[in-house]
Amino acid sequence: MLKNRIFRFLSVFCSIVIALSCLTYSGASADEPVGKMSSVYAYVLNDYLYTYGAMYTEEAGDTLRDNGDGEFALSGVIHSEIINFDANENPYLVIFLADAGYNTASCHVWKYNEQEEKAERIAILDVNYTMLADGQVGGFALGFSNDKRYIIYRVYQDNVLTNSDYYTAIDGDAFEYVNAPQVLNEIGVMDFSNSYFHPGVDVSHYNANVGEFFDDLKNAAADSVTYEDIAERLGDEDEAQIEAVLKNVTSFTDFDIANYTSMEDYRKALEVEPNGDRFYLISEAYDLGDEIYYIRFSTDRSYYNYALLRRSDDAENGYQILKVRTDCIPLSDRELKQIKTDYDRNTLLYKKAKGSLKLSKYCADDNAEPSKKPLIQIDKSFDKQTRLPIVCIGGGIAVALLTILWVYLYSDND
């Protein structure tokens, strides 16, 4: 009996140790951003698109040529992608573009600074294509080899390869390989000479691929929100009241009560001329506490719009407008928590309404599933520097206990 009890105890204990070791080691190594990182990268890409636009061709695979009409100065973002060069928790944003101001084909690499929650550019690879000699062709590509990722630049002379450079990023710094690494697969991004420019990726339909990637970043930021979505639980009266407020804010581009120090200036800023955009519907609604609500809504022009509202008996239509962004990047979960803290200290906020919204327990659709319970957010307990030692220690303990268990079970009963 004693041996059986010891066996059960050691088995359970070993299982727990092994499970904790596995959970501790797991991390985000996929080539995708999450939460605040997505929002930060989306703003970086937005700046590039605003500055350079997006390069596009009529058909996929088309080549842009110098016809001697002076229109060969090319500008635009060609391709953008999240690349996890070193398989760590924070993948990198890579942007390929052409800059007409300097006649360059370029690759820019950005990293996410987790401590400061901002993006930092760590590499600029520029090639002046007008300086290539006749018969020379340059080209950028992305290389893949198991968990490794590379940026490759090659030069050809009369179709003969003359030079290859390989770049990667390790722990937030960019490096060039001295010796060529083994590349199993690669994707050509662009090739060019002093007389033509050819995007190796599909840039047709006004470069729809870059647009879809931009939307993916926006969606990743929006999907990181851990508050419960109460949009389907709003009562008809409350929903109509919120919609009445939103119909009056569609003409705002970027409004924030934090930009004003007096109630007079704040109220004057709310007087804006209509721009023709029309409210369509509420996409999501989140209760941030203290009667502050984050509402995402769509218009006839854009799917990505949001408003922060304070429910108050002193406000017109029952809600005070705190912040409005249209055709924008949605707020991530971390941004929402911070912005709620900031608004709690704002002296221009009206008193919150008495009582609270009356929410239905289930969706309006009788066939719909019950509304989801609030998600439980679990913060990281260990950073990436401490995970490996913990895994090794946990694994060692597990192995030692299993060894003791094996020796004990197969020893003599005496």
Protein backbone atom coordinates (compact mmCIF):
# COMPACT_ATOMS: atom_id res chain seq x y z
CA MET A 1 0.00 0.00 0.00
CA LEU A 2 2.79 2.40 0.92
CA LYS A 3 4.57 1.71 -2.35
CA ASN A 4 1.36 2.39 -4.31
CA ARG A 5 0.81 5.71 -2.52
CA ILE A 6 4.37 6.80 -3.17
CA PHE A 7 3.98 5.74 -6.80
CA ARG A 8 0.84 7.83 -7.22
CA PHE A 9 2.39 10.87 -5.52
CA LEU A 10 5.58 10.78 -7.57
CA SER A 11 3.65 10.22 -10.81
CA VAL A 12 1.39 13.22 -10.24
CA PHE A 13 4.29 15.38 -9.08
CA CYS A 14 6.40 14.46 -12.12
CA SER A 15 3.48 15.21 -14.43
CA ILE A 16 3.02 18.65 -12.87
CA VAL A 17 6.72 19.48 -13.16
CA ILE A 18 6.87 18.39 -16.80
CA ALA A 19 3.69 20.31 -17.67
CA LEU A 20 4.97 23.48 -16.02
CA SER A 21 8.25 23.14 -17.87
CA CYS A 22 6.44 22.85 -21.19
CA LEU A 23 4.14 25.77 -20.47
CA THR A 24 7.04 27.93 -19.37
CA TYR A 25 8.95 27.24 -22.53
CA SER A 26 6.07 27.91 -24.90
CA GLY A 27 6.20 31.31 -26.60
CA ALA A 28 5.06 33.25 -29.64
CA SER A 29 7.48 32.15 -32.33
CA ALA A 30 5.11 32.33 -35.30
CA ASP A 31 5.57 35.02 -37.92
CA GLU A 32 2.74 37.16 -36.63
CA PRO A 33 2.33 40.11 -34.24
CA VAL A 34 -0.19 40.35 -31.43
CA GLY A 35 -1.93 43.08 -29.47
CA LYS A 36 -0.11 46.35 -28.99
CA MET A 37 2.67 45.24 -31.33
CA SER A 38 0.17 44.95 -34.16
CA SER A 39 -1.10 48.44 -33.48
CA VAL A 40 2.42 49.89 -33.39
CA TYR A 41 3.43 48.18 -36.64
CA ALA A 42 0.18 49.30 -38.27
CA TYR A 43 1.04 52.92 -37.51
CA VAL A 44 4.51 52.44 -39.01
CA LEU A 45 3.07 50.98 -42.21
CA ASN A 46 0.45 53.73 -42.29
CA ASP A 47 3.23 56.35 -42.30
CA TYR A 48 4.94 54.61 -45.23
CA LEU A 49 1.72 54.41 -47.22
CA TYR A 50 1.00 58.07 -46.50
CA THR A 51 4.53 59.09 -47.56
CA TYR A 52 5.16 56.81 -50.54
CA GLY A 53 1.78 55.36 -51.47
CA ALA A 54 1.53 51.77 -52.72
CA MET A 55 3.22 50.63 -55.94
CA TYR A 56 0.87 48.78 -58.27
CA THR A 57 0.64 47.42 -61.79
CA GLU A 58 -2.32 46.67 -64.02
CA GLU A 59 -1.68 42.93 -63.97
CA ALA A 60 0.29 40.65 -61.67
CA GLY A 61 3.83 40.20 -62.98
CA ASP A 62 3.87 43.39 -65.08
CA THR A 63 7.21 45.16 -65.51
CA LEU A 64 7.64 48.94 -65.31
CA ARG A 65 10.09 50.21 -67.95
CA ASP A 66 11.93 53.43 -68.67
CA ASN A 67 10.38 54.75 -71.85
CA GLY A 68 12.48 57.90 -71.85
CA ASP A 69 9.54 60.08 -70.84
CA GLY A 70 10.97 60.95 -67.41
CA GLU A 71 8.36 58.87 -65.56
CA PHE A 72 10.68 56.11 -64.41
CA ALA A 73 11.16 57.68 -60.97
CA LEU A 74 9.19 55.11 -58.96
CA SER A 75 7.64 55.38 -55.51
CA GLY A 76 5.52 53.12 -53.38
CA VAL A 77 5.40 50.30 -50.88
CA ILE A 78 5.79 47.04 -52.78
CA HIS A 79 5.50 44.42 -50.08
CA SER A 80 5.26 44.26 -46.29
CA GLU A 81 5.43 41.25 -44.03
CA ILE A 82 5.98 40.13 -40.45
CA ILE A 83 9.22 38.14 -40.30
CA ASN A 84 10.40 36.29 -37.20
CA PHE A 85 14.08 36.15 -38.09
CA ASP A 86 15.32 34.68 -34.81
CA ALA A 87 12.16 32.86 -33.63
CA ASN A 88 11.77 35.06 -30.56
CA GLU A 89 8.63 36.54 -29.02
CA ASN A 90 8.75 39.79 -30.97
CA PRO A 91 8.79 39.35 -34.76
CA TYR A 92 9.93 42.13 -37.07
CA LEU A 93 8.15 44.32 -39.59
CA VAL A 94 9.81 44.25 -43.03
CA ILE A 95 8.84 46.79 -45.69
CA PHE A 96 10.05 46.75 -49.31
CA LEU A 97 9.62 49.99 -51.24
CA ALA A 98 10.85 52.25 -54.00
CA ASP A 99 11.70 55.89 -53.31
CA ALA A 100 11.55 58.27 -56.28
CA GLY A 101 13.35 61.00 -54.36
CA TYR A 102 16.55 58.97 -54.26
CA ASN A 103 15.93 56.49 -57.11
CA THR A 104 16.33 53.63 -54.65
CA ALA A 105 14.91 50.18 -54.16
CA SER A 106 14.90 49.57 -50.42
CA CYS A 107 14.19 47.17 -47.62
CA HIS A 108 13.50 48.57 -44.15
CA VAL A 109 13.39 46.42 -41.02
CA TRP A 110 11.63 47.46 -37.80
CA LYS A 111 11.67 45.84 -34.39
CA TYR A 112 9.22 46.18 -31.50
CA ASN A 113 10.65 47.55 -28.26
CA GLU A 114 8.55 45.77 -25.65
CA GLN A 115 9.71 47.94 -22.74
CA GLU A 116 8.89 51.25 -24.44
CA GLU A 117 6.06 49.80 -26.55
CA LYS A 118 7.24 51.44 -29.74
CA ALA A 119 8.84 50.48 -33.06
CA GLU A 120 12.49 51.13 -33.90
CA ARG A 121 14.03 50.87 -37.35
CA ILE A 122 17.10 48.64 -37.17
CA ALA A 123 18.11 48.33 -40.83
CA ILE A 124 17.87 50.21 -44.13
CA LEU A 125 19.07 48.38 -47.25
CA ASP A 126 19.17 50.85 -50.14
CA VAL A 127 20.16 50.27 -53.77
CA ASN A 128 20.28 53.14 -56.28
CA TYR A 129 19.04 51.33 -59.37
CA THR A 130 20.11 54.18 -61.68
CA MET A 131 23.73 53.46 -60.70
CA LEU A 132 23.62 49.87 -61.95
CA ALA A 133 25.73 49.40 -65.08
CA ASP A 134 24.21 48.28 -68.36
CA GLY A 135 23.52 44.55 -68.20
CA GLN A 136 23.42 44.57 -64.40
CA VAL A 137 20.32 43.49 -62.49
CA GLY A 138 19.74 43.73 -58.74
CA GLY A 139 17.11 41.88 -56.78
CA PHE A 140 15.70 41.46 -53.26
CA ALA A 141 14.27 38.19 -51.97
CA LEU A 142 13.11 36.62 -48.72
CA GLY A 143 14.82 33.34 -47.78
CA PHE A 144 13.60 30.58 -45.45
CA SER A 145 15.38 27.68 -43.79
CA ASN A 146 13.56 25.84 -40.99
CA ASP A 147 13.26 28.49 -38.24
CA LYS A 148 15.66 30.93 -39.92
CA ARG A 149 14.66 33.89 -42.08
CA TYR A 150 16.84 35.98 -44.37
CA ILE A 151 16.76 39.05 -46.57
CA ILE A 152 18.78 38.40 -49.71
CA TYR A 153 20.21 40.91 -52.17
CA ARG A 154 21.79 39.60 -55.37
CA VAL A 155 23.48 41.19 -58.37
CA TYR A 156 23.63 39.63 -61.84
CA GLN A 157 25.79 40.68 -64.78
CA ASP A 158 24.44 39.52 -68.13
CA ASN A 159 22.37 36.85 -66.33
CA VAL A 160 25.40 35.55 -64.39
CA LEU A 161 25.28 35.80 -60.59
CA THR A 162 28.16 38.00 -59.37
CA ASN A 163 27.27 38.81 -55.76
CA SER A 164 24.95 37.66 -52.97
CA ASP A 165 24.40 39.32 -49.60
CA TYR A 166 22.42 37.76 -46.76
CA TYR A 167 20.94 39.67 -43.82
CA THR A 168 19.07 38.68 -40.68
CA ALA A 169 18.12 40.04 -37.26
CA ILE A 170 19.14 38.59 -33.90
CA ASP A 171 17.84 39.95 -30.58
CA GLY A 172 16.81 43.22 -32.17
CA ASP A 173 19.98 43.93 -34.17
CA ALA A 174 20.57 43.48 -37.90
CA PHE A 175 23.50 41.39 -39.14
CA GLU A 176 25.06 40.52 -42.48
CA TYR A 177 26.38 36.99 -42.97
CA VAL A 178 30.06 36.59 -43.75
CA ASN A 179 29.45 33.15 -45.23
CA ALA A 180 26.28 32.37 -47.15
CA PRO A 181 23.77 30.39 -45.03
CA GLN A 182 21.83 27.43 -46.36
CA VAL A 183 18.53 28.66 -47.80
CA LEU A 184 15.88 26.03 -48.51
CA ASN A 185 13.20 28.28 -50.02
CA GLU A 186 12.95 31.86 -51.16
CA ILE A 187 10.48 34.34 -52.58
CA GLY A 188 11.57 37.02 -55.01
CA VAL A 189 10.22 40.41 -53.95
CA MET A 190 11.59 42.71 -56.69
CA ASP A 191 14.28 42.93 -59.35
CA PHE A 192 15.45 46.01 -61.23
CA SER A 193 18.03 47.60 -63.48
CA ASN A 194 18.71 51.11 -64.73
CA SER A 195 15.93 50.69 -67.29
CA TYR A 196 13.20 48.51 -65.70
CA PHE A 197 11.57 47.67 -62.37
CA HIS A 198 9.76 44.39 -61.78
CA PRO A 199 7.81 43.58 -58.57
CA GLY A 200 8.23 39.87 -57.91
CA VAL A 201 5.10 39.81 -55.77
CA ASP A 202 1.55 40.52 -56.91
CA VAL A 203 0.92 44.28 -56.76
CA SER A 204 -2.14 44.32 -59.02
CA HIS A 205 -5.52 45.80 -58.05
CA TYR A 206 -3.79 48.82 -56.50
CA ASN A 207 -1.59 46.46 -54.51
CA ALA A 208 -4.43 44.67 -52.76
CA ASN A 209 -1.93 42.45 -50.92
CA VAL A 210 -0.46 45.38 -49.00
CA GLY A 211 -3.98 46.54 -48.21
CA GLU A 212 -4.92 43.12 -46.87
CA PHE A 213 -1.75 42.97 -44.77
CA PHE A 214 -2.57 46.40 -43.34
CA ASP A 215 -6.07 45.18 -42.46
CA ASP A 216 -4.58 42.06 -40.83
CA LEU A 217 -2.55 44.28 -38.51
CA LYS A 218 -5.66 46.29 -37.65
CA ASN A 219 -7.66 43.14 -36.98
CA ALA A 220 -4.92 41.66 -34.79
CA ALA A 221 -4.94 44.81 -32.65
CA ALA A 222 -8.75 44.77 -32.44
CA ASP A 223 -8.91 41.04 -31.65
CA SER A 224 -6.54 41.44 -28.69
CA VAL A 225 -9.27 43.14 -26.63
CA THR A 226 -10.15 40.97 -23.62
CA TYR A 227 -13.20 42.92 -22.47
CA GLU A 228 -16.57 41.30 -23.16
CA ASP A 229 -18.24 42.47 -26.36
CA ILE A 230 -21.70 43.66 -25.27
CA ALA A 231 -22.88 44.92 -28.67
CA GLU A 232 -25.42 42.08 -29.07
CA ARG A 233 -26.65 42.49 -25.49
CA LEU A 234 -27.62 46.16 -25.69
CA GLY A 235 -31.29 46.93 -25.23
CA ASP A 236 -33.12 48.62 -28.09
CA GLU A 237 -33.35 51.94 -26.26
CA ASP A 238 -29.68 52.01 -25.27
CA GLU A 239 -28.56 50.94 -28.74
CA ALA A 240 -30.65 53.69 -30.35
CA GLN A 241 -29.21 56.24 -27.94
CA ILE A 242 -25.61 55.26 -28.76
CA GLU A 243 -26.33 55.22 -32.49
CA ALA A 244 -27.75 58.75 -32.24
CA VAL A 245 -24.43 59.90 -30.81
CA LEU A 246 -22.36 58.04 -33.40
CA LYS A 247 -24.33 59.55 -36.28
CA ASN A 248 -23.04 62.94 -35.16
CA VAL A 249 -19.35 61.97 -34.96
CA THR A 250 -18.71 60.43 -38.38
CA SER A 251 -17.23 63.71 -39.64
CA PHE A 252 -14.44 63.67 -37.05
CA THR A 253 -11.03 62.47 -38.18
CA ASP A 254 -9.24 62.58 -34.84
CA PHE A 255 -10.96 64.10 -31.82
CA ASP A 256 -9.76 63.75 -28.22
CA ILE A 257 -11.03 65.51 -25.11
CA ALA A 258 -7.48 65.24 -23.71
CA ASN A 259 -6.41 67.97 -26.16
CA TYR A 260 -8.51 70.60 -24.38
CA THR A 261 -8.11 72.30 -21.03
CA SER A 262 -11.41 74.16 -20.76
CA MET A 263 -15.01 73.09 -21.21
CA GLU A 264 -15.56 76.03 -23.59
CA ASP A 265 -12.79 74.87 -25.95
CA TYR A 266 -14.00 71.28 -25.73
CA ARG A 267 -17.59 72.15 -26.65
CA LYS A 268 -16.45 74.42 -29.49
CA ALA A 269 -14.32 71.59 -30.93
CA LEU A 270 -17.41 69.38 -31.08
CA GLU A 271 -18.91 71.75 -33.65
CA VAL A 272 -17.70 70.29 -36.94
CA GLU A 273 -19.07 70.53 -40.46
CA PRO A 274 -20.48 67.28 -41.89
CA ASN A 275 -18.21 65.64 -44.48
CA GLY A 276 -20.81 63.35 -46.01
CA ASP A 277 -19.81 60.14 -44.19
CA ARG A 278 -22.78 58.22 -42.86
CA PHE A 279 -23.00 55.93 -39.85
CA TYR A 280 -23.72 52.31 -40.77
CA LEU A 281 -23.73 50.07 -37.69
CA ILE A 282 -22.11 49.25 -34.35
CA SER A 283 -19.50 46.51 -34.76
CA GLU A 284 -18.41 45.96 -31.15
CA ALA A 285 -19.09 47.59 -27.79
CA TYR A 286 -17.00 47.22 -24.63
CA ASP A 287 -17.66 48.43 -21.09
CA LEU A 288 -14.36 49.77 -19.69
CA GLY A 289 -15.85 50.60 -16.29
CA ASP A 290 -17.06 53.84 -14.66
CA GLU A 291 -19.61 54.17 -17.49
CA ILE A 292 -16.90 54.61 -20.17
CA TYR A 293 -17.59 52.62 -23.33
CA TYR A 294 -15.39 51.78 -26.30
CA ILE A 295 -17.55 51.50 -29.42
CA ARG A 296 -16.30 50.30 -32.79
CA PHE A 297 -18.53 51.20 -35.70
CA SER A 298 -18.57 51.27 -39.48
CA THR A 299 -19.54 53.99 -41.92
CA ASP A 300 -20.30 53.92 -45.62
CA ARG A 301 -16.61 54.75 -46.19
CA SER A 302 -14.66 52.77 -43.61
CA TYR A 303 -15.00 49.69 -41.43
CA TYR A 304 -12.36 50.86 -38.94
CA ASN A 305 -13.76 53.61 -36.71
CA TYR A 306 -14.17 53.95 -32.96
CA ALA A 307 -15.49 56.26 -30.26
CA LEU A 308 -14.95 56.43 -26.52
CA LEU A 309 -18.10 57.60 -24.75
CA ARG A 310 -18.95 58.47 -21.14
CA ARG A 311 -22.50 57.62 -20.14
CA SER A 312 -23.77 60.66 -18.24
CA ASP A 313 -27.10 62.27 -17.37
CA ASP A 314 -25.50 65.67 -18.10
CA ALA A 315 -24.58 64.84 -21.71
CA GLU A 316 -26.66 65.40 -24.82
CA ASN A 317 -28.22 62.11 -25.92
CA GLY A 318 -26.94 60.60 -22.69
CA TYR A 319 -23.30 60.15 -23.74
CA GLN A 320 -20.30 62.48 -23.55
CA ILE A 321 -17.85 62.22 -26.46
CA LEU A 322 -14.32 61.57 -25.22
CA LYS A 323 -12.45 60.38 -28.29
CA VAL A 324 -13.28 59.65 -31.93
CA ARG A 325 -11.11 58.22 -34.71
CA THR A 326 -12.40 57.40 -38.18
CA ASP A 327 -10.72 55.34 -40.90
CA CYS A 328 -8.15 54.39 -38.31
CA ILE A 329 -6.25 51.65 -36.50
CA PRO A 330 -8.36 50.07 -33.70
CA LEU A 331 -7.16 50.24 -30.13
CA SER A 332 -5.44 47.18 -28.69
CA ASP A 333 -6.25 45.72 -25.29
CA ARG A 334 -3.24 47.34 -23.63
CA GLU A 335 -4.07 50.72 -25.12
CA LEU A 336 -7.64 50.46 -23.85
CA LYS A 337 -6.53 49.77 -20.30
CA GLN A 338 -4.09 52.70 -20.40
CA ILE A 339 -6.55 55.11 -22.01
CA LYS A 340 -9.17 54.28 -19.38
CA THR A 341 -6.66 55.23 -16.68
CA ASP A 342 -5.83 58.49 -18.46
CA TYR A 343 -9.47 59.52 -18.82
CA ASP A 344 -10.19 58.78 -15.17
CA ARG A 345 -7.96 61.76 -14.35
CA ASN A 346 -9.46 64.13 -16.94
CA THR A 347 -11.17 67.13 -15.30
CA LEU A 348 -13.56 67.72 -18.22
CA LEU A 349 -15.46 64.44 -17.79
CA TYR A 350 -19.09 64.69 -16.82
CA LYS A 351 -20.34 62.77 -13.81
CA LYS A 352 -21.21 59.22 -14.71
CA ALA A 353 -24.86 58.32 -15.06
CA LYS A 354 -26.77 56.83 -12.18
CA GLY A 355 -27.29 53.14 -12.59
CA SER A 356 -25.85 51.19 -15.49
CA LEU A 357 -26.80 49.74 -18.85
CA LYS A 358 -29.34 46.95 -18.73
CA LEU A 359 -27.87 44.13 -20.75
CA SER A 360 -29.69 41.04 -21.90
CA LYS A 361 -28.26 37.72 -20.77
CA TYR A 362 -28.38 36.30 -24.28
CA CYS A 363 -28.08 37.57 -27.82
CA ALA A 364 -31.16 39.03 -29.48
CA ASP A 365 -31.20 36.06 -31.86
CA ASP A 366 -32.98 33.18 -30.13
CA ASN A 367 -30.84 30.72 -32.06
CA ALA A 368 -27.57 32.41 -31.09
CA GLU A 369 -25.32 31.03 -28.43
CA PRO A 370 -25.19 32.77 -25.03
CA SER A 371 -22.83 35.71 -24.85
CA LYS A 372 -19.26 34.91 -23.98
CA LYS A 373 -18.04 35.41 -20.44
CA PRO A 374 -15.24 37.92 -19.92
CA LEU A 375 -11.90 36.45 -20.87
CA ILE A 376 -9.31 35.83 -18.19
CA GLN A 377 -6.03 37.50 -19.01
CA ILE A 378 -2.90 35.76 -17.78
CA ASP A 379 0.22 37.89 -17.73
CA LYS A 380 3.60 36.38 -18.52
CA SER A 381 5.32 35.18 -15.37
CA PHE A 382 8.76 34.74 -16.89
CA ASP A 383 10.61 36.69 -19.54
CA LYS A 384 12.53 35.00 -22.33
CA GLN A 385 15.86 35.30 -20.48
CA THR A 386 14.66 33.21 -17.54
CA ARG A 387 12.61 30.63 -19.40
CA LEU A 388 15.45 28.38 -20.58
CA PRO A 389 17.05 27.99 -17.09
CA ILE A 390 13.62 27.24 -15.60
CA VAL A 391 12.95 24.63 -18.27
CA CYS A 392 16.31 22.96 -17.63
CA ILE A 393 15.79 22.92 -13.86
CA GLY A 394 12.24 21.61 -14.21
CA GLY A 395 13.32 18.94 -16.65
CA GLY A 396 16.20 17.89 -14.40
CA ILE A 397 13.90 17.55 -11.39
CA ALA A 398 11.45 15.50 -13.43
CA VAL A 399 14.20 13.15 -14.68
CA ALA A 400 15.61 12.73 -11.16
CA LEU A 401 12.21 11.91 -9.69
CA LEU A 402 11.45 9.43 -12.45
CA THR A 403 14.82 7.74 -11.81
CA ILE A 404 14.10 7.46 -8.09
CA LEU A 405 10.64 6.10 -8.86
CA TRP A 406 12.05 3.48 -11.23
CA VAL A 407 14.75 2.36 -8.74
CA TYR A 408 12.21 2.16 -5.93
CA LEU A 409 9.62 0.18 -7.86
CA TYR A 410 12.10 -2.38 -9.11
CA SER A 411 14.01 -2.75 -5.85
CA ASP A 412 13.39 -5.66 -3.50
CA ASN A 413 10.38 -5.36 -1.18
CA ASP A 414 12.79 -5.45 1.77
